[in-house]
Amino acid sequence: MRIDKYLWCIRLFKTRSIATNACKKGQVKIEENNLKPSREVYGGEIITVRKNQINYKIKVIDIPESRVGAKLVDLYRKDLTPKEEFERTELLKFAKDYYRKKGTGRPTKKDRRDIEDYYETNEEDD
């Protein structure tokens, strides 16, 4: 079975075209080698997939006939992803919380007044 079809069948990607694009971009590797979407997958191979800033490691156990249900995915793959990968994304989330929320845009007049009041009170304390 093709690698892009396999990744779609085990529900790692929502559509097969997304899986194909990931292969073309070099986000899918076997033994540190970039793959073409048409490469055949065999049992026992370890696939590394970079998705959402996480490097997933997946061992191919068996090849499914077609796309399988979410409960049956573990019959065809074994997840070898280290827990450190998921902890790293948690740290990124905490780092991003410091900044303004996405989509809030420029500061409003009220925000500007609050900032000016803050600076004026600090200057008076000095």
Protein backbone atom coordinates (compact mmCIF):
# COMPACT_ATOMS: atom_id res chain seq x y z
CA MET A 1 0.00 0.00 0.00
CA ARG A 2 1.17 3.53 -0.77
CA ILE A 3 2.48 5.57 2.18
CA ASP A 4 -0.01 8.39 1.66
CA LYS A 5 -2.91 5.96 1.55
CA TYR A 6 -1.63 4.14 4.65
CA LEU A 7 -1.39 7.37 6.66
CA TRP A 8 -4.93 8.25 5.60
CA CYS A 9 -6.22 4.74 6.40
CA ILE A 10 -4.86 4.83 9.96
CA ARG A 11 -6.46 8.27 10.42
CA LEU A 12 -3.25 10.24 10.89
CA PHE A 13 -4.44 12.66 8.20
CA LYS A 14 -8.01 13.73 7.50
CA THR A 15 -7.74 13.42 3.73
CA ARG A 16 -5.46 11.55 1.39
CA SER A 17 -4.45 14.75 -0.40
CA ILE A 18 -3.21 16.22 2.90
CA ALA A 19 -1.15 13.05 3.43
CA THR A 20 0.23 13.35 -0.11
CA ASN A 21 1.24 16.97 0.45
CA ALA A 22 2.95 16.06 3.73
CA CYS A 23 5.02 13.45 1.88
CA LYS A 24 5.96 15.94 -0.83
CA LYS A 25 7.02 18.54 1.77
CA GLY A 26 9.35 16.06 3.49
CA GLN A 27 7.29 15.73 6.67
CA VAL A 28 7.08 11.93 6.35
CA LYS A 29 10.26 9.86 6.68
CA ILE A 30 11.38 6.29 7.02
CA GLU A 31 14.89 5.84 8.44
CA GLU A 32 15.53 9.60 8.07
CA ASN A 33 14.87 9.42 4.31
CA ASN A 34 12.25 11.65 2.67
CA LEU A 35 9.58 9.74 0.83
CA LYS A 36 7.49 10.10 -2.26
CA PRO A 37 3.77 9.58 -1.70
CA SER A 38 3.86 6.49 -3.93
CA ARG A 39 6.40 4.57 -1.81
CA GLU A 40 5.15 1.19 -0.66
CA VAL A 41 4.81 0.49 3.08
CA TYR A 42 5.57 -2.88 4.63
CA GLY A 43 5.01 -4.33 8.09
CA GLY A 44 7.68 -3.63 10.69
CA GLU A 45 8.80 -0.27 9.28
CA ILE A 46 9.02 2.78 11.53
CA ILE A 47 7.56 5.96 10.04
CA THR A 48 8.34 9.45 11.38
CA VAL A 49 5.66 12.04 10.67
CA ARG A 50 5.96 15.74 11.55
CA LYS A 51 2.50 17.13 12.20
CA ASN A 52 1.51 20.17 14.32
CA GLN A 53 5.10 20.63 15.56
CA ILE A 54 5.17 17.06 16.91
CA ASN A 55 7.36 14.27 15.51
CA TYR A 56 5.17 11.16 15.63
CA LYS A 57 6.89 7.77 15.44
CA ILE A 58 4.68 5.00 14.17
CA LYS A 59 5.51 1.33 13.70
CA VAL A 60 3.59 -0.43 10.94
CA ILE A 61 2.06 -3.61 12.33
CA ASP A 62 -0.25 -4.55 9.47
CA ILE A 63 -1.67 -3.05 6.28
CA PRO A 64 -5.43 -2.33 6.35
CA GLU A 65 -7.68 -3.11 3.38
CA SER A 66 -9.24 0.36 3.51
CA ARG A 67 -9.76 3.24 5.96
CA VAL A 68 -10.49 1.84 9.41
CA GLY A 69 -12.57 3.11 12.31
CA ALA A 70 -10.90 5.02 15.11
CA LYS A 71 -11.24 2.10 17.53
CA LEU A 72 -9.48 -0.30 15.14
CA VAL A 73 -6.48 1.90 14.34
CA ASP A 74 -4.26 0.26 16.97
CA LEU A 75 -4.52 -3.08 15.15
CA TYR A 76 -2.52 -1.63 12.26
CA ARG A 77 0.00 0.68 13.95
CA LYS A 78 1.89 1.11 17.20
CA ASP A 79 2.55 4.63 18.47
CA LEU A 80 6.20 4.99 19.56
CA THR A 81 6.09 8.79 20.02
CA PRO A 82 8.08 9.83 23.12
CA LYS A 83 6.18 11.81 25.77
CA GLU A 84 8.75 14.62 25.56
CA GLU A 85 7.31 15.58 22.16
CA PHE A 86 3.91 16.29 23.69
CA GLU A 87 5.42 18.10 26.69
CA ARG A 88 7.30 20.41 24.32
CA THR A 89 4.02 21.54 22.73
CA GLU A 90 2.60 22.27 26.19
CA LEU A 91 5.55 24.58 26.85
CA LEU A 92 4.91 26.35 23.55
CA LYS A 93 1.29 26.94 24.55
CA PHE A 94 2.36 28.56 27.82
CA ALA A 95 4.85 30.78 26.01
CA LYS A 96 2.18 31.98 23.58
CA ASP A 97 -0.26 32.90 26.39
CA TYR A 98 1.94 35.87 27.30
CA TYR A 99 1.15 37.67 24.05
CA ARG A 100 -2.17 39.15 22.95
CA LYS A 101 -4.74 36.69 21.72
CA LYS A 102 -4.82 36.12 18.00
CA GLY A 103 -7.44 38.19 16.23
CA THR A 104 -7.75 40.88 18.89
CA GLY A 105 -6.00 43.34 16.61
CA ARG A 106 -4.53 46.65 17.65
CA PRO A 107 -5.06 48.04 21.15
CA THR A 108 -8.32 49.96 21.55
CA LYS A 109 -8.59 53.51 22.90
CA LYS A 110 -9.38 52.08 26.32
CA ASP A 111 -6.26 49.89 26.17
CA ARG A 112 -4.17 52.93 25.19
CA ARG A 113 -5.58 55.00 28.08
CA ASP A 114 -4.90 52.19 30.51
CA ILE A 115 -1.30 51.95 29.28
CA GLU A 116 -0.84 55.73 29.57
CA ASP A 117 -2.33 55.74 33.09
CA TYR A 118 0.01 52.93 34.08
CA TYR A 119 3.06 54.85 32.85
CA GLU A 120 1.89 58.11 34.49
CA THR A 121 1.45 56.43 37.89
CA ASN A 122 4.91 54.84 37.65
CA GLU A 123 6.52 58.20 36.78
CA GLU A 124 4.89 59.85 39.82
CA ASP A 125 6.26 57.13 42.11
CA ASP A 126 9.86 57.84 40.99
